[in-house]
PDB file of all heavy atoms in Angstrom:
ATOM      1  N   ASP A   1    -138.236  37.996 -47.537  1.00  0.00           N
ATOM      2  CA  ASP A   1    -138.288  37.402 -46.206  1.00  0.00           C
ATOM      3  C   ASP A   1    -137.312  38.205 -45.335  1.00  0.00           C
ATOM      4  O   ASP A   1    -137.552  38.100 -44.008  1.00  0.00           O
ATOM      5  CB  ASP A   1    -137.740  35.917 -46.322  1.00  0.00           C
ATOM      6  CG  ASP A   1    -138.865  34.889 -46.586  1.00  0.00           C
ATOM      7  OD1 ASP A   1    -139.978  35.418 -46.553  1.00  0.00           O
ATOM      8  OD2 ASP A   1    -138.595  33.767 -46.966  1.00  0.00           O
ATOM      9  N   LEU A   2    -136.451  38.903 -45.851  1.00  0.00           N
ATOM     10  CA  LEU A   2    -135.485  39.653 -45.082  1.00  0.00           C
ATOM     11  C   LEU A   2    -135.997  41.075 -44.675  1.00  0.00           C
ATOM     12  O   LEU A   2    -135.237  41.780 -44.049  1.00  0.00           O
ATOM     13  CB  LEU A   2    -134.129  39.871 -45.759  1.00  0.00           C
ATOM     14  CG  LEU A   2    -133.379  38.505 -46.118  1.00  0.00           C
ATOM     15  CD1 LEU A   2    -132.163  38.655 -47.014  1.00  0.00           C
ATOM     16  CD2 LEU A   2    -133.053  37.695 -44.928  1.00  0.00           C
ATOM     17  N   ALA A   3    -137.186  41.345 -45.090  1.00  0.00           N
ATOM     18  CA  ALA A   3    -137.814  42.600 -44.731  1.00  0.00           C
ATOM     19  C   ALA A   3    -137.966  42.677 -43.252  1.00  0.00           C
ATOM     20  O   ALA A   3    -138.251  41.791 -42.513  1.00  0.00           O
ATOM     21  CB  ALA A   3    -139.121  42.865 -45.406  1.00  0.00           C
ATOM     22  N   SER A   4    -137.908  44.025 -42.673  1.00  0.00           N
ATOM     23  CA  SER A   4    -138.026  44.122 -41.249  1.00  0.00           C
ATOM     24  C   SER A   4    -139.427  43.980 -40.621  1.00  0.00           C
ATOM     25  O   SER A   4    -139.562  43.474 -39.503  1.00  0.00           O
ATOM     26  CB  SER A   4    -137.368  45.526 -40.842  1.00  0.00           C
ATOM     27  OG  SER A   4    -138.204  46.518 -41.438  1.00  0.00           O
ATOM     28  N   GLU A   5    -140.395  44.259 -41.515  1.00  0.00           N
ATOM     29  CA  GLU A   5    -141.848  44.102 -41.083  1.00  0.00           C
ATOM     30  C   GLU A   5    -142.589  43.916 -42.207  1.00  0.00           C
ATOM     31  O   GLU A   5    -142.570  44.578 -43.136  1.00  0.00           O
ATOM     32  CB  GLU A   5    -142.219  45.385 -40.321  1.00  0.00           C
ATOM     33  CG  GLU A   5    -143.632  45.265 -39.682  1.00  0.00           C
ATOM     34  CD  GLU A   5    -144.091  46.595 -38.999  1.00  0.00           C
ATOM     35  OE1 GLU A   5    -143.378  47.568 -39.269  1.00  0.00           O
ATOM     36  OE2 GLU A   5    -145.091  46.600 -38.475  1.00  0.00           O
ATOM     37  N   ARG A   6    -143.571  42.711 -42.126  1.00  0.00           N
ATOM     38  CA  ARG A   6    -144.380  42.504 -43.189  1.00  0.00           C
ATOM     39  C   ARG A   6    -145.397  41.493 -42.829  1.00  0.00           C
ATOM     40  O   ARG A   6    -145.251  40.888 -41.696  1.00  0.00           O
ATOM     41  CB  ARG A   6    -143.649  41.881 -44.500  1.00  0.00           C
ATOM     42  CG  ARG A   6    -143.081  40.515 -44.195  1.00  0.00           C
ATOM     43  CD  ARG A   6    -142.199  40.046 -45.393  1.00  0.00           C
ATOM     44  NE  ARG A   6    -141.773  38.683 -45.235  1.00  0.00           N
ATOM     45  CZ  ARG A   6    -142.445  37.697 -45.932  1.00  0.00           C
ATOM     46  NH1 ARG A   6    -143.369  37.948 -46.819  1.00  0.00           N
ATOM     47  NH2 ARG A   6    -142.022  36.420 -45.753  1.00  0.00           N
ATOM     48  N   PHE A   7    -146.506  41.330 -43.531  1.00  0.00           N
ATOM     49  CA  PHE A   7    -147.459  40.214 -43.319  1.00  0.00           C
ATOM     50  C   PHE A   7    -146.832  38.939 -43.898  1.00  0.00           C
ATOM     51  O   PHE A   7    -146.362  38.877 -45.067  1.00  0.00           O
ATOM     52  CB  PHE A   7    -148.771  40.555 -43.988  1.00  0.00           C
ATOM     53  CG  PHE A   7    -149.622  41.459 -43.343  1.00  0.00           C
ATOM     54  CD1 PHE A   7    -149.786  42.785 -44.078  1.00  0.00           C
ATOM     55  CD2 PHE A   7    -150.266  41.302 -42.187  1.00  0.00           C
ATOM     56  CE1 PHE A   7    -150.549  43.758 -43.426  1.00  0.00           C
ATOM     57  CE2 PHE A   7    -151.027  42.317 -41.569  1.00  0.00           C
ATOM     58  CZ  PHE A   7    -151.265  43.505 -42.143  1.00  0.00           C
ATOM     59  N   THR A   8    -146.769  37.898 -43.108  1.00  0.00           N
ATOM     60  CA  THR A   8    -146.048  36.748 -43.459  1.00  0.00           C
ATOM     61  C   THR A   8    -146.835  36.022 -44.602  1.00  0.00           C
ATOM     62  O   THR A   8    -148.020  35.728 -44.473  1.00  0.00           O
ATOM     63  CB  THR A   8    -145.883  35.721 -42.322  1.00  0.00           C
ATOM     64  OG1 THR A   8    -145.170  36.425 -41.214  1.00  0.00           O
ATOM     65  CG2 THR A   8    -145.174  34.504 -42.764  1.00  0.00           C
ATOM     66  N   LYS A   9    -146.195  35.811 -45.695  1.00  0.00           N
ATOM     67  CA  LYS A   9    -146.705  34.985 -46.838  1.00  0.00           C
ATOM     68  C   LYS A   9    -145.621  34.462 -47.714  1.00  0.00           C
ATOM     69  O   LYS A   9    -144.588  35.132 -47.859  1.00  0.00           O
ATOM     70  CB  LYS A   9    -147.742  35.786 -47.616  1.00  0.00           C
ATOM     71  CG  LYS A   9    -147.099  36.845 -48.491  1.00  0.00           C
ATOM     72  CD  LYS A   9    -148.116  37.556 -49.266  1.00  0.00           C
ATOM     73  CE  LYS A   9    -147.548  38.765 -50.005  1.00  0.00           C
ATOM     74  NZ  LYS A   9    -146.847  39.674 -49.098  1.00  0.00           N
ATOM     75  N   ASN A  10    -145.711  33.285 -48.073  1.00  0.00           N
ATOM     76  CA  ASN A  10    -144.665  32.829 -49.101  1.00  0.00           C
ATOM     77  C   ASN A  10    -145.442  32.210 -50.263  1.00  0.00           C
ATOM     78  O   ASN A  10    -146.172  31.419 -50.341  1.00  0.00           O
ATOM     79  CB  ASN A  10    -143.904  31.666 -48.506  1.00  0.00           C
ATOM     80  CG  ASN A  10    -142.763  32.170 -47.585  1.00  0.00           C
ATOM     81  OD1 ASN A  10    -141.808  32.793 -48.114  1.00  0.00           O
ATOM     82  ND2 ASN A  10    -142.880  31.923 -46.260  1.00  0.00           N
ATOM     83  N   LEU A  11    -145.146  33.041 -51.413  1.00  0.00           N
ATOM     84  CA  LEU A  11    -145.847  32.738 -52.635  1.00  0.00           C
ATOM     85  C   LEU A  11    -145.442  31.221 -53.119  1.00  0.00           C
ATOM     86  O   LEU A  11    -144.254  30.865 -52.983  1.00  0.00           O
ATOM     87  CB  LEU A  11    -145.534  33.717 -53.674  1.00  0.00           C
ATOM     88  CG  LEU A  11    -145.825  35.157 -53.546  1.00  0.00           C
ATOM     89  CD1 LEU A  11    -145.414  36.031 -54.742  1.00  0.00           C
ATOM     90  CD2 LEU A  11    -147.386  35.349 -53.253  1.00  0.00           C
ATOM     91  N   TRP A  12    -146.426  30.605 -53.645  1.00  0.00           N
ATOM     92  CA  TRP A  12    -146.129  29.174 -54.156  1.00  0.00           C
ATOM     93  C   TRP A  12    -146.916  29.108 -55.486  1.00  0.00           C
ATOM     94  O   TRP A  12    -147.778  29.828 -55.779  1.00  0.00           O
ATOM     95  CB  TRP A  12    -146.423  28.119 -53.182  1.00  0.00           C
ATOM     96  CG  TRP A  12    -147.981  28.090 -52.898  1.00  0.00           C
ATOM     97  CD1 TRP A  12    -148.540  28.844 -51.986  1.00  0.00           C
ATOM     98  CD2 TRP A  12    -148.949  27.229 -53.469  1.00  0.00           C
ATOM     99  NE1 TRP A  12    -150.001  28.563 -51.941  1.00  0.00           N
ATOM    100  CE2 TRP A  12    -150.229  27.493 -52.896  1.00  0.00           C
ATOM    101  CE3 TRP A  12    -148.956  26.284 -54.504  1.00  0.00           C
ATOM    102  CZ2 TRP A  12    -151.407  26.872 -53.300  1.00  0.00           C
ATOM    103  CZ3 TRP A  12    -149.977  25.711 -54.925  1.00  0.00           C
ATOM    104  CH2 TRP A  12    -151.284  25.975 -54.234  1.00  0.00           C
ATOM    105  N   THR A  13    -146.426  28.067 -56.261  1.00  0.00           N
ATOM    106  CA  THR A  13    -147.128  27.867 -57.558  1.00  0.00           C
ATOM    107  C   THR A  13    -146.982  26.437 -57.999  1.00  0.00           C
ATOM    108  O   THR A  13    -146.106  25.656 -57.434  1.00  0.00           O
ATOM    109  CB  THR A  13    -146.367  28.769 -58.707  1.00  0.00           C
ATOM    110  OG1 THR A  13    -147.147  28.617 -59.863  1.00  0.00           O
ATOM    111  CG2 THR A  13    -144.965  28.358 -58.906  1.00  0.00           C
ATOM    112  N   GLU A  14    -147.864  26.001 -58.846  1.00  0.00           N
ATOM    113  CA  GLU A  14    -147.789  24.586 -59.479  1.00  0.00           C
ATOM    114  C   GLU A  14    -146.858  24.679 -60.670  1.00  0.00           C
ATOM    115  O   GLU A  14    -146.698  23.616 -61.231  1.00  0.00           O
ATOM    116  CB  GLU A  14    -149.153  24.080 -59.711  1.00  0.00           C
ATOM    117  CG  GLU A  14    -149.945  23.823 -58.463  1.00  0.00           C
ATOM    118  CD  GLU A  14    -151.318  23.292 -58.772  1.00  0.00           C
ATOM    119  OE1 GLU A  14    -151.679  23.154 -59.924  1.00  0.00           O
ATOM    120  OE2 GLU A  14    -152.029  22.842 -57.739  1.00  0.00           O
ATOM    121  N   ARG A  15    -146.394  25.839 -61.178  1.00  0.00           N
ATOM    122  CA  ARG A  15    -145.543  25.931 -62.259  1.00  0.00           C
ATOM    123  C   ARG A  15    -144.145  25.589 -61.928  1.00  0.00           C
ATOM    124  O   ARG A  15    -143.375  26.518 -61.482  1.00  0.00           O
ATOM    125  CB  ARG A  15    -145.651  27.348 -62.868  1.00  0.00           C
ATOM    126  CG  ARG A  15    -147.055  27.749 -63.387  1.00  0.00           C
ATOM    127  CD  ARG A  15    -146.943  29.054 -64.217  1.00  0.00           C
ATOM    128  NE  ARG A  15    -146.179  28.745 -65.412  1.00  0.00           N
ATOM    129  CZ  ARG A  15    -145.245  29.601 -65.884  1.00  0.00           C
ATOM    130  NH1 ARG A  15    -145.022  30.806 -65.289  1.00  0.00           N
ATOM    131  NH2 ARG A  15    -144.628  29.311 -66.995  1.00  0.00           N
ATOM    132  N   GLN A  16    -143.696  24.345 -62.199  1.00  0.00           N
ATOM    133  CA  GLN A  16    -142.394  23.915 -61.886  1.00  0.00           C
ATOM    134  C   GLN A  16    -141.348  24.259 -63.157  1.00  0.00           C
ATOM    135  O   GLN A  16    -141.805  24.315 -64.168  1.00  0.00           O
ATOM    136  CB  GLN A  16    -142.382  22.509 -61.528  1.00  0.00           C
ATOM    137  CG  GLN A  16    -143.217  22.003 -60.337  1.00  0.00           C
ATOM    138  CD  GLN A  16    -142.798  22.770 -59.111  1.00  0.00           C
ATOM    139  OE1 GLN A  16    -141.585  22.928 -58.744  1.00  0.00           O
ATOM    140  NE2 GLN A  16    -143.832  23.289 -58.383  1.00  0.00           N
ATOM    141  N   SER A  17    -140.092  24.368 -62.757  1.00  0.00           N
ATOM    142  CA  SER A  17    -139.152  24.615 -63.772  1.00  0.00           C
ATOM    143  C   SER A  17    -137.802  24.243 -63.131  1.00  0.00           C
ATOM    144  O   SER A  17    -137.596  24.299 -61.963  1.00  0.00           O
ATOM    145  CB  SER A  17    -139.151  26.076 -64.169  1.00  0.00           C
ATOM    146  OG  SER A  17    -137.944  26.314 -65.029  1.00  0.00           O
ATOM    147  N   THR A  18    -136.820  23.846 -63.974  1.00  0.00           N
ATOM    148  CA  THR A  18    -135.493  23.647 -63.496  1.00  0.00           C
ATOM    149  C   THR A  18    -134.577  24.811 -63.600  1.00  0.00           C
ATOM    150  O   THR A  18    -133.355  24.873 -63.259  1.00  0.00           O
ATOM    151  CB  THR A  18    -134.807  22.483 -64.285  1.00  0.00           C
ATOM    152  OG1 THR A  18    -134.824  22.715 -65.661  1.00  0.00           O
ATOM    153  CG2 THR A  18    -135.588  21.178 -64.019  1.00  0.00           C
ATOM    154  N   ASP A  19    -135.077  25.919 -64.264  1.00  0.00           N
ATOM    155  CA  ASP A  19    -134.292  27.126 -64.498  1.00  0.00           C
ATOM    156  C   ASP A  19    -134.411  28.046 -63.392  1.00  0.00           C
ATOM    157  O   ASP A  19    -135.530  28.656 -63.103  1.00  0.00           O
ATOM    158  CB  ASP A  19    -134.797  27.847 -65.837  1.00  0.00           C
ATOM    159  CG  ASP A  19    -134.490  26.914 -66.991  1.00  0.00           C
ATOM    160  OD1 ASP A  19    -133.540  26.203 -66.965  1.00  0.00           O
ATOM    161  OD2 ASP A  19    -135.256  27.147 -68.009  1.00  0.00           O
ATOM    162  N   ARG A  20    -133.296  28.297 -62.646  1.00  0.00           N
ATOM    163  CA  ARG A  20    -133.200  29.415 -61.608  1.00  0.00           C
ATOM    164  C   ARG A  20    -133.050  30.722 -62.187  1.00  0.00           C
ATOM    165  O   ARG A  20    -132.501  30.878 -63.334  1.00  0.00           O
ATOM    166  CB  ARG A  20    -132.086  29.012 -60.634  1.00  0.00           C
ATOM    167  CG  ARG A  20    -132.411  27.887 -59.757  1.00  0.00           C
ATOM    168  CD  ARG A  20    -131.108  27.566 -58.935  1.00  0.00           C
ATOM    169  NE  ARG A  20    -130.007  27.091 -59.757  1.00  0.00           N
ATOM    170  CZ  ARG A  20    -128.765  27.001 -59.238  1.00  0.00           C
ATOM    171  NH1 ARG A  20    -128.569  27.223 -58.034  1.00  0.00           N
ATOM    172  NH2 ARG A  20    -127.805  26.516 -60.083  1.00  0.00           N
ATOM    173  N   PRO A  21    -133.438  31.842 -61.596  1.00  0.00           N
ATOM    174  CA  PRO A  21    -133.041  33.189 -62.053  1.00  0.00           C
ATOM    175  C   PRO A  21    -131.644  33.275 -62.240  1.00  0.00           C
ATOM    176  O   PRO A  21    -130.895  32.686 -61.429  1.00  0.00           O
ATOM    177  CB  PRO A  21    -133.687  34.102 -60.916  1.00  0.00           C
ATOM    178  CG  PRO A  21    -134.583  33.264 -60.102  1.00  0.00           C
ATOM    179  CD  PRO A  21    -134.186  31.880 -60.258  1.00  0.00           C
ATOM    180  N   ARG A  22    -131.142  34.065 -63.077  1.00  0.00           N
ATOM    181  CA  ARG A  22    -129.729  34.182 -63.310  1.00  0.00           C
ATOM    182  C   ARG A  22    -129.182  35.568 -62.834  1.00  0.00           C
ATOM    183  O   ARG A  22    -129.764  36.621 -62.976  1.00  0.00           O
ATOM    184  CB  ARG A  22    -129.469  34.178 -64.849  1.00  0.00           C
ATOM    185  CG  ARG A  22    -130.012  32.957 -65.564  1.00  0.00           C
ATOM    186  CD  ARG A  22    -129.626  33.008 -67.093  1.00  0.00           C
ATOM    187  NE  ARG A  22    -128.320  32.303 -67.322  1.00  0.00           N
ATOM    188  CZ  ARG A  22    -127.658  32.400 -68.397  1.00  0.00           C
ATOM    189  NH1 ARG A  22    -128.137  33.024 -69.478  1.00  0.00           N
ATOM    190  NH2 ARG A  22    -126.497  31.722 -68.611  1.00  0.00           N
ATOM    191  N   LEU A  23    -128.048  35.414 -62.078  1.00  0.00           N
ATOM    192  CA  LEU A  23    -127.269  36.572 -61.722  1.00  0.00           C
ATOM    193  C   LEU A  23    -126.170  36.715 -62.594  1.00  0.00           C
ATOM    194  O   LEU A  23    -125.269  35.816 -62.642  1.00  0.00           O
ATOM    195  CB  LEU A  23    -126.707  36.433 -60.210  1.00  0.00           C
ATOM    196  CG  LEU A  23    -127.704  36.746 -59.156  1.00  0.00           C
ATOM    197  CD1 LEU A  23    -126.989  36.508 -57.794  1.00  0.00           C
ATOM    198  CD2 LEU A  23    -128.165  38.233 -59.090  1.00  0.00           C
ATOM    199  N   VAL A  24    -126.179  37.663 -63.521  1.00  0.00           N
ATOM    200  CA  VAL A  24    -125.196  37.800 -64.621  1.00  0.00           C
ATOM    201  C   VAL A  24    -124.301  38.842 -64.459  1.00  0.00           C
ATOM    202  O   VAL A  24    -124.500  40.047 -64.406  1.00  0.00           O
ATOM    203  CB  VAL A  24    -125.930  38.039 -65.955  1.00  0.00           C
ATOM    204  CG1 VAL A  24    -124.927  38.031 -67.153  1.00  0.00           C
ATOM    205  CG2 VAL A  24    -127.076  37.024 -66.174  1.00  0.00           C
ATOM    206  N   ASN A  25    -122.993  38.464 -64.205  1.00  0.00           N
ATOM    207  CA  ASN A  25    -121.918  39.502 -64.044  1.00  0.00           C
ATOM    208  C   ASN A  25    -121.390  39.899 -65.345  1.00  0.00           C
ATOM    209  O   ASN A  25    -120.904  39.061 -66.126  1.00  0.00           O
ATOM    210  CB  ASN A  25    -120.785  38.831 -63.182  1.00  0.00           C
ATOM    211  CG  ASN A  25    -121.217  38.616 -61.748  1.00  0.00           C
ATOM    212  OD1 ASN A  25    -121.266  39.528 -60.890  1.00  0.00           O
ATOM    213  ND2 ASN A  25    -121.502  37.366 -61.343  1.00  0.00           N
ATOM    214  N   VAL A  26    -121.310  41.280 -65.612  1.00  0.00           N
ATOM    215  CA  VAL A  26    -120.738  41.690 -66.800  1.00  0.00           C
ATOM    216  C   VAL A  26    -119.764  42.863 -66.406  1.00  0.00           C
ATOM    217  O   VAL A  26    -119.647  43.240 -65.260  1.00  0.00           O
ATOM    218  CB  VAL A  26    -121.879  42.365 -67.715  1.00  0.00           C
ATOM    219  CG1 VAL A  26    -122.814  41.199 -68.210  1.00  0.00           C
ATOM    220  CG2 VAL A  26    -122.633  43.403 -67.021  1.00  0.00           C
ATOM    221  N   ARG A  27    -118.904  43.268 -67.431  1.00  0.00           N
ATOM    222  CA  ARG A  27    -117.830  44.164 -67.109  1.00  0.00           C
ATOM    223  C   ARG A  27    -118.426  45.607 -66.908  1.00  0.00           C
ATOM    224  O   ARG A  27    -117.899  46.256 -65.948  1.00  0.00           O
ATOM    225  CB  ARG A  27    -116.775  44.247 -68.205  1.00  0.00           C
ATOM    226  CG  ARG A  27    -115.685  45.133 -67.969  1.00  0.00           C
ATOM    227  CD  ARG A  27    -114.636  45.015 -69.193  1.00  0.00           C
ATOM    228  NE  ARG A  27    -115.363  45.251 -70.432  1.00  0.00           N
ATOM    229  CZ  ARG A  27    -114.696  45.156 -71.563  1.00  0.00           C
ATOM    230  NH1 ARG A  27    -113.555  44.755 -71.687  1.00  0.00           N
ATOM    231  NH2 ARG A  27    -115.478  45.491 -72.717  1.00  0.00           N
ATOM    232  N   ASP A  28    -119.319  46.084 -67.715  1.00  0.00           N
ATOM    233  CA  ASP A  28    -119.768  47.422 -67.640  1.00  0.00           C
ATOM    234  C   ASP A  28    -121.084  47.516 -68.331  1.00  0.00           C
ATOM    235  O   ASP A  28    -121.642  46.561 -68.758  1.00  0.00           O
ATOM    236  CB  ASP A  28    -118.691  48.400 -68.277  1.00  0.00           C
ATOM    237  CG  ASP A  28    -118.347  48.004 -69.718  1.00  0.00           C
ATOM    238  OD1 ASP A  28    -119.229  47.353 -70.353  1.00  0.00           O
ATOM    239  OD2 ASP A  28    -117.330  48.353 -70.211  1.00  0.00           O
ATOM    240  N   GLU A  29    -121.582  48.756 -68.387  1.00  0.00           N
ATOM    241  CA  GLU A  29    -123.001  48.978 -68.930  1.00  0.00           C
ATOM    242  C   GLU A  29    -123.041  48.650 -70.497  1.00  0.00           C
ATOM    243  O   GLU A  29    -124.100  48.318 -70.919  1.00  0.00           O
ATOM    244  CB  GLU A  29    -123.427  50.442 -68.675  1.00  0.00           C
ATOM    245  CG  GLU A  29    -123.621  50.753 -67.224  1.00  0.00           C
ATOM    246  CD  GLU A  29    -124.132  52.127 -66.993  1.00  0.00           C
ATOM    247  OE1 GLU A  29    -123.293  52.976 -67.045  1.00  0.00           O
ATOM    248  OE2 GLU A  29    -125.330  52.420 -66.710  1.00  0.00           O
ATOM    249  N   ALA A  30    -121.866  48.833 -71.161  1.00  0.00           N
ATOM    250  CA  ALA A  30    -121.933  48.495 -72.559  1.00  0.00           C
ATOM    251  C   ALA A  30    -122.099  47.046 -72.765  1.00  0.00           C
ATOM    252  O   ALA A  30    -122.865  46.537 -73.578  1.00  0.00           O
ATOM    253  CB  ALA A  30    -120.610  49.033 -73.239  1.00  0.00           C
ATOM    254  N   ASP A  31    -121.403  46.189 -71.958  1.00  0.00           N
ATOM    255  CA  ASP A  31    -121.529  44.739 -72.018  1.00  0.00           C
ATOM    256  C   ASP A  31    -123.004  44.337 -71.470  1.00  0.00           C
ATOM    257  O   ASP A  31    -123.515  43.339 -72.017  1.00  0.00           O
ATOM    258  CB  ASP A  31    -120.438  44.021 -71.120  1.00  0.00           C
ATOM    259  CG  ASP A  31    -119.240  43.802 -71.838  1.00  0.00           C
ATOM    260  OD1 ASP A  31    -119.187  44.155 -73.099  1.00  0.00           O
ATOM    261  OD2 ASP A  31    -118.216  43.165 -71.315  1.00  0.00           O
ATOM    262  N   GLN A  32    -123.448  45.076 -70.496  1.00  0.00           N
ATOM    263  CA  GLN A  32    -124.901  44.814 -70.005  1.00  0.00           C
ATOM    264  C   GLN A  32    -125.841  45.030 -71.227  1.00  0.00           C
ATOM    265  O   GLN A  32    -126.759  44.112 -71.363  1.00  0.00           O
ATOM    266  CB  GLN A  32    -125.133  45.804 -68.907  1.00  0.00           C
ATOM    267  CG  GLN A  32    -126.571  45.686 -68.352  1.00  0.00           C
ATOM    268  CD  GLN A  32    -126.765  46.530 -67.128  1.00  0.00           C
ATOM    269  OE1 GLN A  32    -127.046  46.096 -66.049  1.00  0.00           O
ATOM    270  NE2 GLN A  32    -126.761  47.905 -67.350  1.00  0.00           N
ATOM    271  N   ALA A  33    -125.699  46.002 -71.848  1.00  0.00           N
ATOM    272  CA  ALA A  33    -126.614  46.251 -73.087  1.00  0.00           C
ATOM    273  C   ALA A  33    -126.504  45.186 -74.092  1.00  0.00           C
ATOM    274  O   ALA A  33    -127.458  44.708 -74.646  1.00  0.00           O
ATOM    275  CB  ALA A  33    -126.259  47.696 -73.644  1.00  0.00           C
ATOM    276  N   ARG A  34    -125.214  44.725 -74.394  1.00  0.00           N
ATOM    277  CA  ARG A  34    -125.014  43.729 -75.376  1.00  0.00           C
ATOM    278  C   ARG A  34    -125.593  42.388 -74.909  1.00  0.00           C
ATOM    279  O   ARG A  34    -126.196  41.596 -75.671  1.00  0.00           O
ATOM    280  CB  ARG A  34    -123.534  43.612 -75.714  1.00  0.00           C
ATOM    281  CG  ARG A  34    -123.024  44.711 -76.631  1.00  0.00           C
ATOM    282  CD  ARG A  34    -121.615  44.466 -77.191  1.00  0.00           C
ATOM    283  NE  ARG A  34    -120.605  44.607 -76.145  1.00  0.00           N
ATOM    284  CZ  ARG A  34    -119.965  45.736 -75.934  1.00  0.00           C
ATOM    285  NH1 ARG A  34    -120.318  46.859 -76.621  1.00  0.00           N
ATOM    286  NH2 ARG A  34    -119.110  45.971 -74.933  1.00  0.00           N
ATOM    287  N   TYR A  35    -125.407  42.123 -73.641  1.00  0.00           N
ATOM    288  CA  TYR A  35    -126.007  40.818 -73.082  1.00  0.00           C
ATOM    289  C   TYR A  35    -127.407  40.738 -73.287  1.00  0.00           C
ATOM    290  O   TYR A  35    -128.069  39.799 -73.653  1.00  0.00           O
ATOM    291  CB  TYR A  35    -125.611  40.712 -71.602  1.00  0.00           C
ATOM    292  CG  TYR A  35    -126.290  39.499 -70.912  1.00  0.00           C
ATOM    293  CD1 TYR A  35    -125.884  38.242 -71.170  1.00  0.00           C
ATOM    294  CD2 TYR A  35    -127.511  39.661 -70.176  1.00  0.00           C
ATOM    295  CE1 TYR A  35    -126.547  37.182 -70.532  1.00  0.00           C
ATOM    296  CE2 TYR A  35    -128.142  38.725 -69.541  1.00  0.00           C
ATOM    297  CZ  TYR A  35    -127.686  37.441 -69.772  1.00  0.00           C
ATOM    298  OH  TYR A  35    -128.447  36.377 -69.218  1.00  0.00           O
ATOM    299  N   VAL A  36    -128.089  41.956 -72.853  1.00  0.00           N
ATOM    300  CA  VAL A  36    -129.528  41.905 -72.955  1.00  0.00           C
ATOM    301  C   VAL A  36    -130.069  41.817 -74.318  1.00  0.00           C
ATOM    302  O   VAL A  36    -130.968  40.970 -74.610  1.00  0.00           O
ATOM    303  CB  VAL A  36    -130.127  43.286 -72.263  1.00  0.00           C
ATOM    304  CG1 VAL A  36    -131.593  43.440 -72.595  1.00  0.00           C
ATOM    305  CG2 VAL A  36    -129.878  43.275 -70.803  1.00  0.00           C
ATOM    306  N   VAL A  37    -129.341  42.440 -75.313  1.00  0.00           N
ATOM    307  CA  VAL A  37    -129.881  42.436 -76.706  1.00  0.00           C
ATOM    308  C   VAL A  37    -129.657  41.091 -77.255  1.00  0.00           C
ATOM    309  O   VAL A  37    -130.514  40.485 -77.848  1.00  0.00           O
ATOM    310  CB  VAL A  37    -129.100  43.503 -77.598  1.00  0.00           C
ATOM    311  CG1 VAL A  37    -129.311  43.176 -79.039  1.00  0.00           C
ATOM    312  CG2 VAL A  37    -129.539  44.937 -77.167  1.00  0.00           C
ATOM    313  N   GLU A  38    -128.529  40.239 -76.912  1.00  0.00           N
ATOM    314  CA  GLU A  38    -128.316  38.964 -77.395  1.00  0.00           C
ATOM    315  C   GLU A  38    -129.324  38.059 -76.975  1.00  0.00           C
ATOM    316  O   GLU A  38    -129.899  37.131 -77.619  1.00  0.00           O
ATOM    317  CB  GLU A  38    -126.950  38.546 -77.111  1.00  0.00           C
ATOM    318  CG  GLU A  38    -125.810  39.208 -77.982  1.00  0.00           C
ATOM    319  CD  GLU A  38    -124.514  38.438 -77.954  1.00  0.00           C
ATOM    320  OE1 GLU A  38    -124.468  37.286 -77.486  1.00  0.00           O
ATOM    321  OE2 GLU A  38    -123.493  39.065 -78.449  1.00  0.00           O
ATOM    322  N   ARG A  39    -129.618  38.119 -75.544  1.00  0.00           N
ATOM    323  CA  ARG A  39    -130.622  37.246 -74.981  1.00  0.00           C
ATOM    324  C   ARG A  39    -132.095  37.443 -75.613  1.00  0.00           C
ATOM    325  O   ARG A  39    -132.834  36.550 -75.893  1.00  0.00           O
ATOM    326  CB  ARG A  39    -130.641  37.372 -73.515  1.00  0.00           C
ATOM    327  CG  ARG A  39    -129.435  36.802 -72.852  1.00  0.00           C
ATOM    328  CD  ARG A  39    -129.411  35.298 -72.869  1.00  0.00           C
ATOM    329  NE  ARG A  39    -128.171  34.592 -72.496  1.00  0.00           N
ATOM    330  CZ  ARG A  39    -127.162  34.385 -73.190  1.00  0.00           C
ATOM    331  NH1 ARG A  39    -127.218  34.649 -74.466  1.00  0.00           N
ATOM    332  NH2 ARG A  39    -125.962  33.844 -72.644  1.00  0.00           N
TER     333      ARG A  39
END
């Protein structure tokens, strides 16, 4: 929505969920790798 120029559309779906996307803060790339592997 913050794009400077676009055809207006807002995607919608009937697939409901309570889980929002996660913004995961990690210390460095090594921790990033370990987080991804564990998940």
